[in-house]
C-alpha atoms as a PDB file:
ATOM      1  CA  MET A   1     122.264  96.359 125.895  1.00  0.00           C
ATOM      2  CA  THR A   2     124.690  95.106 128.532  1.00  0.00           C
ATOM      3  CA  ALA A   3     128.024  96.695 129.310  1.00  0.00           C
ATOM      4  CA  SER A   4     129.869  93.687 127.901  1.00  0.00           C
ATOM      5  CA  LEU A   5     128.239  94.171 124.503  1.00  0.00           C
ATOM      6  CA  ARG A   6     129.191  97.839 124.448  1.00  0.00           C
ATOM      7  CA  ALA A   7     132.818  97.261 125.394  1.00  0.00           C
ATOM      8  CA  ASP A   8     135.640  97.820 122.888  1.00  0.00           C
ATOM      9  CA  PRO A   9     136.820  94.411 121.568  1.00  0.00           C
ATOM     10  CA  LEU A  10     140.431  95.615 121.840  1.00  0.00           C
ATOM     11  CA  GLN A  11     139.983  96.487 125.511  1.00  0.00           C
ATOM     12  CA  ASN A  12     138.254  93.145 126.086  1.00  0.00           C
ATOM     13  CA  LEU A  13     141.293  91.313 124.738  1.00  0.00           C
ATOM     14  CA  ARG A  14     143.650  93.394 126.857  1.00  0.00           C
ATOM     15  CA  SER A  15     141.663  92.574 129.977  1.00  0.00           C
ATOM     16  CA  MET A  16     141.559  88.902 129.002  1.00  0.00           C
ATOM     17  CA  ALA A  17     145.309  88.865 128.395  1.00  0.00           C
ATOM     18  CA  ALA A  18     145.887  90.144 131.914  1.00  0.00           C
ATOM     19  CA  ARG A  19     143.709  87.407 133.408  1.00  0.00           C
ATOM     20  CA  ASP A  20     144.345  84.502 131.042  1.00  0.00           C
ATOM     21  CA  PRO A  21     146.896  85.130 128.262  1.00  0.00           C
ATOM     22  CA  LYS A  22     146.315  81.768 126.613  1.00  0.00           C
ATOM     23  CA  ALA A  23     142.565  82.415 126.331  1.00  0.00           C
ATOM     24  CA  ALA A  24     143.342  85.852 124.860  1.00  0.00           C
ATOM     25  CA  ILE A  25     145.556  84.265 122.205  1.00  0.00           C
ATOM     26  CA  LYS A  26     142.811  81.813 121.250  1.00  0.00           C
ATOM     27  CA  GLU A  27     140.272  84.631 120.970  1.00  0.00           C
ATOM     28  CA  ALA A  28     142.660  86.750 118.879  1.00  0.00           C
ATOM     29  CA  ALA A  29     143.348  83.761 116.614  1.00  0.00           C
ATOM     30  CA  LYS A  30     139.607  83.235 116.183  1.00  0.00           C
ATOM     31  CA  GLN A  31     139.173  86.891 115.179  1.00  0.00           C
ATOM     32  CA  PHE A  32     142.033  86.591 112.667  1.00  0.00           C
ATOM     33  CA  GLU A  33     140.374  83.533 111.178  1.00  0.00           C
ATOM     34  CA  GLY A  34     137.019  85.352 111.056  1.00  0.00           C
ATOM     35  CA  LEU A  35     138.546  88.218 109.067  1.00  0.00           C
ATOM     36  CA  PHE A  36     140.199  85.748 106.700  1.00  0.00           C
ATOM     37  CA  MET A  37     136.937  83.852 106.166  1.00  0.00           C
ATOM     38  CA  GLN A  38     135.078  87.107 105.441  1.00  0.00           C
ATOM     39  CA  GLU A  39     137.630  88.023 102.769  1.00  0.00           C
ATOM     40  CA  LEU A  40     137.387  84.490 101.375  1.00  0.00           C
ATOM     41  CA  MET A  41     133.577  84.720 101.165  1.00  0.00           C
ATOM     42  CA  LYS A  42     133.880  88.103  99.478  1.00  0.00           C
ATOM     43  CA  SER A  43     136.391  86.790  96.929  1.00  0.00           C
ATOM     44  CA  MET A  44     134.256  83.723  96.183  1.00  0.00           C
ATOM     45  CA  ARG A  45     131.156  85.869  95.659  1.00  0.00           C
ATOM     46  CA  GLN A  46     133.008  88.273  93.357  1.00  0.00           C
ATOM     47  CA  ALA A  47     134.350  85.366  91.334  1.00  0.00           C
ATOM     48  CA  THR A  48     130.945  83.747  90.845  1.00  0.00           C
ATOM     49  CA  MET A  49     128.483  86.635  90.746  1.00  0.00           C
ATOM     50  CA  SER A  50     128.431  89.837  88.722  1.00  0.00           C
ATOM     51  CA  SER A  51     127.169  93.091  90.187  1.00  0.00           C
ATOM     52  CA  GLY A  52     123.600  93.769  89.124  1.00  0.00           C
ATOM     53  CA  LEU A  53     122.457  97.127  87.852  1.00  0.00           C
ATOM     54  CA  LEU A  54     119.698  97.100  90.442  1.00  0.00           C
ATOM     55  CA  ASP A  55     122.009  96.620  93.395  1.00  0.00           C
ATOM     56  CA  ASN A  56     121.974  99.439  95.912  1.00  0.00           C
ATOM     57  CA  GLU A  57     123.594 100.156  99.236  1.00  0.00           C
ATOM     58  CA  GLY A  58     120.909  98.244 101.131  1.00  0.00           C
ATOM     59  CA  THR A  59     121.175  95.053  99.077  1.00  0.00           C
ATOM     60  CA  GLN A  60     124.980  95.192  99.042  1.00  0.00           C
ATOM     61  CA  MET A  61     125.040  95.700 102.793  1.00  0.00           C
ATOM     62  CA  GLY A  62     122.682  92.756 103.252  1.00  0.00           C
ATOM     63  CA  THR A  63     124.979  90.546 101.174  1.00  0.00           C
ATOM     64  CA  GLU A  64     128.023  91.663 103.162  1.00  0.00           C
ATOM     65  CA  LEU A  65     126.267  91.009 106.463  1.00  0.00           C
ATOM     66  CA  LEU A  66     125.140  87.590 105.262  1.00  0.00           C
ATOM     67  CA  ASP A  67     128.743  86.778 104.313  1.00  0.00           C
ATOM     68  CA  THR A  68     129.785  87.843 107.814  1.00  0.00           C
ATOM     69  CA  GLU A  69     127.174  85.528 109.350  1.00  0.00           C
ATOM     70  CA  PHE A  70     128.358  82.544 107.295  1.00  0.00           C
ATOM     71  CA  ALA A  71     132.015  83.367 107.984  1.00  0.00           C
ATOM     72  CA  GLY A  72     131.244  83.408 111.696  1.00  0.00           C
ATOM     73  CA  LYS A  73     129.725  79.942 111.495  1.00  0.00           C
ATOM     74  CA  MET A  74     132.885  78.606 109.788  1.00  0.00           C
ATOM     75  CA  THR A  75     135.217  80.225 112.307  1.00  0.00           C
ATOM     76  CA  GLY A  76     136.653  78.467 115.347  1.00  0.00           C
ATOM     77  CA  LEU A  77     135.957  74.919 114.161  1.00  0.00           C
ATOM     78  CA  LYS A  78     138.115  72.140 115.553  1.00  0.00           C
ATOM     79  CA  GLY A  79     141.230  71.662 113.449  1.00  0.00           C
ATOM     80  CA  GLY A  80     140.650  74.966 111.669  1.00  0.00           C
ATOM     81  CA  LEU A  81     142.895  77.895 110.877  1.00  0.00           C
ATOM     82  CA  SER A  82     142.457  79.546 114.278  1.00  0.00           C
ATOM     83  CA  GLU A  83     144.098  76.588 116.038  1.00  0.00           C
ATOM     84  CA  ALA A  84     147.178  76.877 113.831  1.00  0.00           C
ATOM     85  CA  ILE A  85     147.349  80.626 114.425  1.00  0.00           C
ATOM     86  CA  ALA A  86     146.990  80.139 118.179  1.00  0.00           C
ATOM     87  CA  ARG A  87     149.818  77.590 118.259  1.00  0.00           C
ATOM     88  CA  GLN A  88     152.104  79.962 116.358  1.00  0.00           C
ATOM     89  CA  LEU A  89     151.279  82.876 118.659  1.00  0.00           C
ATOM     90  CA  GLU A  90     151.838  80.712 121.728  1.00  0.00           C
ATOM     91  CA  ARG A  91     155.299  79.754 120.456  1.00  0.00           C
ATOM     92  CA  GLN A  92     156.149  83.383 119.702  1.00  0.00           C
ATOM     93  CA  THR A  93     155.053  84.607 123.134  1.00  0.00           C
ATOM     94  CA  GLY A  94     156.407  81.648 125.130  1.00  0.00           C
ATOM     95  CA  LEU A  95     152.970  80.400 126.160  1.00  0.00           C
ATOM     96  CA  THR A  96     153.560  76.810 125.135  1.00  0.00           C
ATOM     97  CA  ARG A  97     152.577  75.216 128.432  1.00  0.00           C
ATOM     98  CA  GLU A  98     149.209  75.190 130.148  1.00  0.00           C
ATOM     99  CA  SER A  99     150.782  76.439 133.401  1.00  0.00           C
ATOM    100  CA  ALA A 100     151.831  79.769 131.917  1.00  0.00           C
ATOM    101  CA  THR A 101     150.037  82.647 133.634  1.00  0.00           C
ATOM    102  CA  SER A 102     151.869  85.865 132.781  1.00  0.00           C
ATOM    103  CA  PRO A 103     150.835  88.033 129.812  1.00  0.00           C
ATOM    104  CA  PRO A 104     153.225  88.521 126.877  1.00  0.00           C
ATOM    105  CA  ALA A 105     155.850  91.229 127.256  1.00  0.00           C
ATOM    106  CA  ASN A 106     154.383  93.265 124.404  1.00  0.00           C
ATOM    107  CA  ASN A 107     150.886  93.735 123.019  1.00  0.00           C
ATOM    108  CA  THR A 108     151.395  91.740 119.826  1.00  0.00           C
ATOM    109  CA  VAL A 109     148.104  89.868 120.310  1.00  0.00           C
ATOM    110  CA  THR A 110     145.917  92.872 120.985  1.00  0.00           C
ATOM    111  CA  GLN A 111     147.499  95.361 118.625  1.00  0.00           C
ATOM    112  CA  ARG A 112     146.373  93.400 115.566  1.00  0.00           C
ATOM    113  CA  THR A 113     142.782  92.720 116.629  1.00  0.00           C
ATOM    114  CA  PRO A 114     139.958  94.629 114.926  1.00  0.00           C
ATOM    115  CA  LEU A 115     138.776  97.705 116.799  1.00  0.00           C
ATOM    116  CA  ARG A 116     135.138  97.019 116.012  1.00  0.00           C
ATOM    117  CA  SER A 117     133.000  94.290 114.490  1.00  0.00           C
ATOM    118  CA  PRO A 118     130.265  94.886 111.887  1.00  0.00           C
ATOM    119  CA  ALA A 119     126.669  95.160 113.003  1.00  0.00           C
ATOM    120  CA  SER A 120     124.842  91.853 112.801  1.00  0.00           C
ATOM    121  CA  ALA A 121     122.044  91.390 110.300  1.00  0.00           C
ATOM    122  CA  SER A 122     120.812  88.522 112.454  1.00  0.00           C
ATOM    123  CA  GLU A 123     120.619  90.960 115.354  1.00  0.00           C
ATOM    124  CA  PHE A 124     118.410  93.268 113.280  1.00  0.00           C
ATOM    125  CA  VAL A 125     116.108  90.388 112.317  1.00  0.00           C
ATOM    126  CA  ALA A 126     115.899  89.104 115.891  1.00  0.00           C
ATOM    127  CA  ARG A 127     115.234  92.574 117.315  1.00  0.00           C
ATOM    128  CA  HIS A 128     112.232  93.278 115.086  1.00  0.00           C
ATOM    129  CA  THR A 129     110.666  89.861 114.490  1.00  0.00           C
ATOM    130  CA  GLU A 130     108.274  89.979 117.450  1.00  0.00           C
ATOM    131  CA  ALA A 131     106.821  93.376 116.488  1.00  0.00           C
ATOM    132  CA  ALA A 132     106.585  92.206 112.875  1.00  0.00           C
ATOM    133  CA  GLN A 133     104.658  89.121 113.970  1.00  0.00           C
ATOM    134  CA  ARG A 134     102.124  91.309 115.763  1.00  0.00           C
ATOM    135  CA  ALA A 135     101.784  93.404 112.608  1.00  0.00           C
ATOM    136  CA  GLU A 136     101.336  90.198 110.599  1.00  0.00           C
ATOM    137  CA  ARG A 137      98.333  89.254 112.724  1.00  0.00           C
ATOM    138  CA  GLN A 138      96.759  92.618 111.871  1.00  0.00           C
ATOM    139  CA  THR A 139      97.527  92.676 108.147  1.00  0.00           C
ATOM    140  CA  GLY A 140      98.275  89.163 106.914  1.00  0.00           C
ATOM    141  CA  ILE A 141     101.612  90.401 105.535  1.00  0.00           C
ATOM    142  CA  PRO A 142     104.324  87.866 106.475  1.00  0.00           C
ATOM    143  CA  ALA A 143     106.531  89.153 109.295  1.00  0.00           C
ATOM    144  CA  THR A 144     109.636  88.287 107.262  1.00  0.00           C
ATOM    145  CA  PHE A 145     108.561  90.635 104.460  1.00  0.00           C
ATOM    146  CA  MET A 146     108.039  93.517 106.881  1.00  0.00           C
ATOM    147  CA  VAL A 147     111.372  92.958 108.625  1.00  0.00           C
ATOM    148  CA  ALA A 148     113.013  92.907 105.198  1.00  0.00           C
ATOM    149  CA  GLN A 149     111.296  96.146 104.183  1.00  0.00           C
ATOM    150  CA  ALA A 150     112.476  97.772 107.426  1.00  0.00           C
ATOM    151  CA  ALA A 151     115.998  96.519 106.670  1.00  0.00           C
ATOM    152  CA  HIS A 152     115.824  97.924 103.151  1.00  0.00           C
ATOM    153  CA  GLU A 153     114.489 101.309 104.274  1.00  0.00           C
ATOM    154  CA  THR A 154     117.077 101.740 107.046  1.00  0.00           C
ATOM    155  CA  GLY A 155     120.131  99.968 105.615  1.00  0.00           C
ATOM    156  CA  TRP A 156     119.781  97.211 108.234  1.00  0.00           C
ATOM    157  CA  GLY A 157     119.385  99.805 110.966  1.00  0.00           C
ATOM    158  CA  ARG A 158     122.508 101.764 110.083  1.00  0.00           C
ATOM    159  CA  LYS A 159     120.740 104.725 108.481  1.00  0.00           C
ATOM    160  CA  GLU A 160     117.637 105.324 110.524  1.00  0.00           C
ATOM    161  CA  ILE A 161     115.847 108.664 110.285  1.00  0.00           C
ATOM    162  CA  ARG A 162     117.023 111.074 112.985  1.00  0.00           C
ATOM    163  CA  MET A 163     115.319 114.029 114.632  1.00  0.00           C
ATOM    164  CA  ALA A 164     116.847 117.519 114.530  1.00  0.00           C
ATOM    165  CA  ASP A 165     118.535 116.877 117.911  1.00  0.00           C
ATOM    166  CA  GLY A 166     120.020 113.595 116.693  1.00  0.00           C
ATOM    167  CA  SER A 167     117.593 111.341 118.561  1.00  0.00           C
ATOM    168  CA  ASN A 168     115.983 108.377 116.840  1.00  0.00           C
ATOM    169  CA  SER A 169     112.629 108.817 115.094  1.00  0.00           C
ATOM    170  CA  PHE A 170     112.091 105.009 115.256  1.00  0.00           C
ATOM    171  CA  ASN A 171     110.620 105.280 111.730  1.00  0.00           C
ATOM    172  CA  LEU A 172     111.646 101.949 110.194  1.00  0.00           C
ATOM    173  CA  PHE A 173     109.512 102.204 107.048  1.00  0.00           C
ATOM    174  CA  GLY A 174     110.160 105.723 105.807  1.00  0.00           C
ATOM    175  CA  VAL A 175     106.504 106.676 106.313  1.00  0.00           C
ATOM    176  CA  LYS A 176     106.072 110.372 105.487  1.00  0.00           C
ATOM    177  CA  ALA A 177     104.088 112.784 107.628  1.00  0.00           C
ATOM    178  CA  GLY A 178     101.126 114.036 105.618  1.00  0.00           C
ATOM    179  CA  ALA A 179      98.548 116.655 106.574  1.00  0.00           C
ATOM    180  CA  ASP A 180      96.613 114.073 108.618  1.00  0.00           C
ATOM    181  CA  TRP A 181      99.599 113.239 110.853  1.00  0.00           C
ATOM    182  CA  LYS A 182      99.338 114.925 114.267  1.00  0.00           C
ATOM    183  CA  GLY A 183     102.407 113.426 115.898  1.00  0.00           C
ATOM    184  CA  PRO A 184     106.064 114.539 115.994  1.00  0.00           C
ATOM    185  CA  VAL A 185     107.957 114.981 112.738  1.00  0.00           C
ATOM    186  CA  ALA A 186     111.536 114.463 111.579  1.00  0.00           C
ATOM    187  CA  ARG A 187     112.631 116.594 108.617  1.00  0.00           C
ATOM    188  CA  VAL A 188     115.524 115.179 106.646  1.00  0.00           C
ATOM    189  CA  THR A 189     117.020 115.444 103.175  1.00  0.00           C
ATOM    190  CA  THR A 190     116.243 112.402 101.065  1.00  0.00           C
ATOM    191  CA  THR A 191     116.629 111.321  97.452  1.00  0.00           C
ATOM    192  CA  GLU A 192     113.418 111.151  95.456  1.00  0.00           C
ATOM    193  CA  VAL A 193     113.001 110.260  91.777  1.00  0.00           C
ATOM    194  CA  VAL A 194     111.067 113.065  90.075  1.00  0.00           C
ATOM    195  CA  ASP A 195     110.329 112.841  86.338  1.00  0.00           C
ATOM    196  CA  GLY A 196     112.862 110.046  86.088  1.00  0.00           C
ATOM    197  CA  GLN A 197     115.650 112.041  87.733  1.00  0.00           C
ATOM    198  CA  PRO A 198     116.963 111.687  91.314  1.00  0.00           C
ATOM    199  CA  ARG A 199     116.613 114.859  93.364  1.00  0.00           C
ATOM    200  CA  LYS A 200     117.542 115.843  96.894  1.00  0.00           C
ATOM    201  CA  LEU A 201     114.453 117.064  98.764  1.00  0.00           C
ATOM    202  CA  VAL A 202     113.698 117.910 102.388  1.00  0.00           C
ATOM    203  CA  GLN A 203     110.851 115.637 103.490  1.00  0.00           C
ATOM    204  CA  ALA A 204     108.816 115.335 106.685  1.00  0.00           C
ATOM    205  CA  PHE A 205     108.675 111.853 108.195  1.00  0.00           C
ATOM    206  CA  ARG A 206     106.585 110.508 111.035  1.00  0.00           C
ATOM    207  CA  ALA A 207     108.383 110.056 114.358  1.00  0.00           C
ATOM    208  CA  TYR A 208     107.485 107.456 116.982  1.00  0.00           C
ATOM    209  CA  SER A 209     108.357 106.672 120.562  1.00  0.00           C
ATOM    210  CA  SER A 210     109.456 103.089 119.819  1.00  0.00           C
ATOM    211  CA  TYR A 211     110.044 100.523 117.065  1.00  0.00           C
ATOM    212  CA  ASP A 212     106.854  98.739 118.161  1.00  0.00           C
ATOM    213  CA  GLU A 213     104.900 101.927 117.442  1.00  0.00           C
ATOM    214  CA  SER A 214     106.503 102.120 113.996  1.00  0.00           C
ATOM    215  CA  PHE A 215     105.391  98.577 113.136  1.00  0.00           C
ATOM    216  CA  ALA A 216     101.899  99.233 114.525  1.00  0.00           C
ATOM    217  CA  ASP A 217     101.498 102.427 112.463  1.00  0.00           C
ATOM    218  CA  TYR A 218     102.781 100.671 109.329  1.00  0.00           C
ATOM    219  CA  ALA A 219     100.269  97.855 109.909  1.00  0.00           C
ATOM    220  CA  LYS A 220      97.476 100.416 110.316  1.00  0.00           C
ATOM    221  CA  LEU A 221      98.533 102.143 107.086  1.00  0.00           C
ATOM    222  CA  MET A 222      98.532  98.868 105.144  1.00  0.00           C
ATOM    223  CA  ARG A 223      95.240  97.752 106.660  1.00  0.00           C
ATOM    224  CA  THR A 224      93.202 100.955 106.313  1.00  0.00           C
ATOM    225  CA  SER A 225      94.526 102.749 103.218  1.00  0.00           C
ATOM    226  CA  PRO A 226      92.684 101.892  99.973  1.00  0.00           C
ATOM    227  CA  ARG A 227      95.969 102.639  98.232  1.00  0.00           C
ATOM    228  CA  TYR A 228      97.506  99.451  99.612  1.00  0.00           C
ATOM    229  CA  ARG A 229      94.493  97.138  99.344  1.00  0.00           C
ATOM    230  CA  GLU A 230      96.133  95.176  96.508  1.00  0.00           C
ATOM    231  CA  VAL A 231      99.384  94.906  98.466  1.00  0.00           C
ATOM    232  CA  VAL A 232      97.622  93.285 101.410  1.00  0.00           C
ATOM    233  CA  ALA A 233      95.563  91.013  99.150  1.00  0.00           C
ATOM    234  CA  GLN A 234      98.706  89.611  97.479  1.00  0.00           C
ATOM    235  CA  ALA A 235     100.985  89.761 100.504  1.00  0.00           C
ATOM    236  CA  ALA A 236     101.581  85.997 100.696  1.00  0.00           C
ATOM    237  CA  ASP A 237     103.863  86.170  97.638  1.00  0.00           C
ATOM    238  CA  ALA A 238     107.137  88.077  98.078  1.00  0.00           C
ATOM    239  CA  ARG A 239     107.357  89.156  94.443  1.00  0.00           C
ATOM    240  CA  LEU A 240     103.739  90.334  94.287  1.00  0.00           C
ATOM    241  CA  PHE A 241     104.100  92.097  97.634  1.00  0.00           C
ATOM    242  CA  ALA A 242     107.150  94.061  96.450  1.00  0.00           C
ATOM    243  CA  GLN A 243     105.605  94.848  93.061  1.00  0.00           C
ATOM    244  CA  GLY A 244     102.348  95.907  94.700  1.00  0.00           C
ATOM    245  CA  LEU A 245     104.160  98.407  96.907  1.00  0.00           C
ATOM    246  CA  GLN A 246     105.890  99.891  93.878  1.00  0.00           C
ATOM    247  CA  ARG A 247     102.668 100.150  91.858  1.00  0.00           C
ATOM    248  CA  ALA A 248     100.943 101.801  94.821  1.00  0.00           C
ATOM    249  CA  GLY A 249     103.655 104.450  94.870  1.00  0.00           C
ATOM    250  CA  TYR A 250     105.140 103.524  98.238  1.00  0.00           C
ATOM    251  CA  ALA A 251     108.525 104.794  96.979  1.00  0.00           C
ATOM    252  CA  THR A 252     109.600 106.854  93.976  1.00  0.00           C
ATOM    253  CA  ASP A 253     112.512 104.558  93.111  1.00  0.00           C
ATOM    254  CA  PRO A 254     111.520 102.739  89.881  1.00  0.00           C
ATOM    255  CA  ALA A 255     113.600  99.735  90.947  1.00  0.00           C
ATOM    256  CA  TYR A 256     112.086  99.542  94.451  1.00  0.00           C
ATOM    257  CA  ALA A 257     110.394  96.170  93.904  1.00  0.00           C
ATOM    258  CA  ASP A 258     113.564  94.485  92.637  1.00  0.00           C
ATOM    259  CA  LYS A 259     115.672  95.874  95.470  1.00  0.00           C
ATOM    260  CA  LEU A 260     113.129  94.940  98.129  1.00  0.00           C
ATOM    261  CA  GLY A 261     112.823  91.451  96.639  1.00  0.00           C
ATOM    262  CA  ARG A 262     116.562  90.947  97.048  1.00  0.00           C
ATOM    263  CA  VAL A 263     116.471  92.053 100.680  1.00  0.00           C
ATOM    264  CA  ILE A 264     113.547  89.701 101.342  1.00  0.00           C
ATOM    265  CA  ASN A 265     115.626  86.817  99.943  1.00  0.00           C
ATOM    266  CA  THR A 266     118.570  87.851 102.143  1.00  0.00           C
ATOM    267  CA  THR A 267     116.304  87.985 105.204  1.00  0.00           C
ATOM    268  CA  LEU A 268     114.900  84.531 104.454  1.00  0.00           C
ATOM    269  CA  ARG A 269     118.439  83.116 104.145  1.00  0.00           C
ATOM    270  CA  LEU A 270     119.404  84.759 107.424  1.00  0.00           C
ATOM    271  CA  GLN A 271     116.415  83.249 109.188  1.00  0.00           C
ATOM    272  CA  ARG A 272     117.301  79.791 107.864  1.00  0.00           C
ATOM    273  CA  SER A 273     120.889  80.197 109.091  1.00  0.00           C
ATOM    274  CA  MET A 274     119.596  81.285 112.546  1.00  0.00           C
ATOM    275  CA  ALA A 275     117.181  78.339 112.856  1.00  0.00           C
END
């Protein structure tokens, strides 16, 4: 990741204001419009869709990230809200002529900008697609389905399994470390459904050196374990793939197939919007 991607958006605007105050105003106006469009998307979704009983944090996060992606595509269009905001800010700060070069006397533009932007679901999909495609060649499971399962298991990368020292285990699929696992292990507290009741248990999970290794190990598990033979055989269909994983006992959540199916649909919509 480059330094520019790591930088604080607020500091970026301050630096821009010092170099080119008019450009800073336009960027701030675009961010204001982006926030407005996100709230608009959220309000529209709430008005037209009811919350399902099978929704969970992963599916809700996927929906929110998808709304953010669509809001971003509708932000900054010619003749849009950001242009009106920029004109108003330019009048308020005296930057009404192209020749103006000095920054505004106060920090009105930068003080109201968001301190951080949400993680991008598209970024998650783009980051893992290549490894998923390699796993697809080994298993026949569509890469999209595997990326979606990784998104579901990790909350789109926001809740990845960590080692005791805080480092990343790179375990994207929540694969547990059984007696046959000889590699490093991450022990974390997780929620498992036992006898129909959710319980907090400390579980051992496999740890890898990279995301590529996680995808490769998942592909090996799907390809070689008799437990998942039916999953691989029906992998071309998203619904059958998700239901097969649940029947095979991949997770203890009785609603796993429904939740995974929703994340697969979100991932497919994201890929269409990125195309």
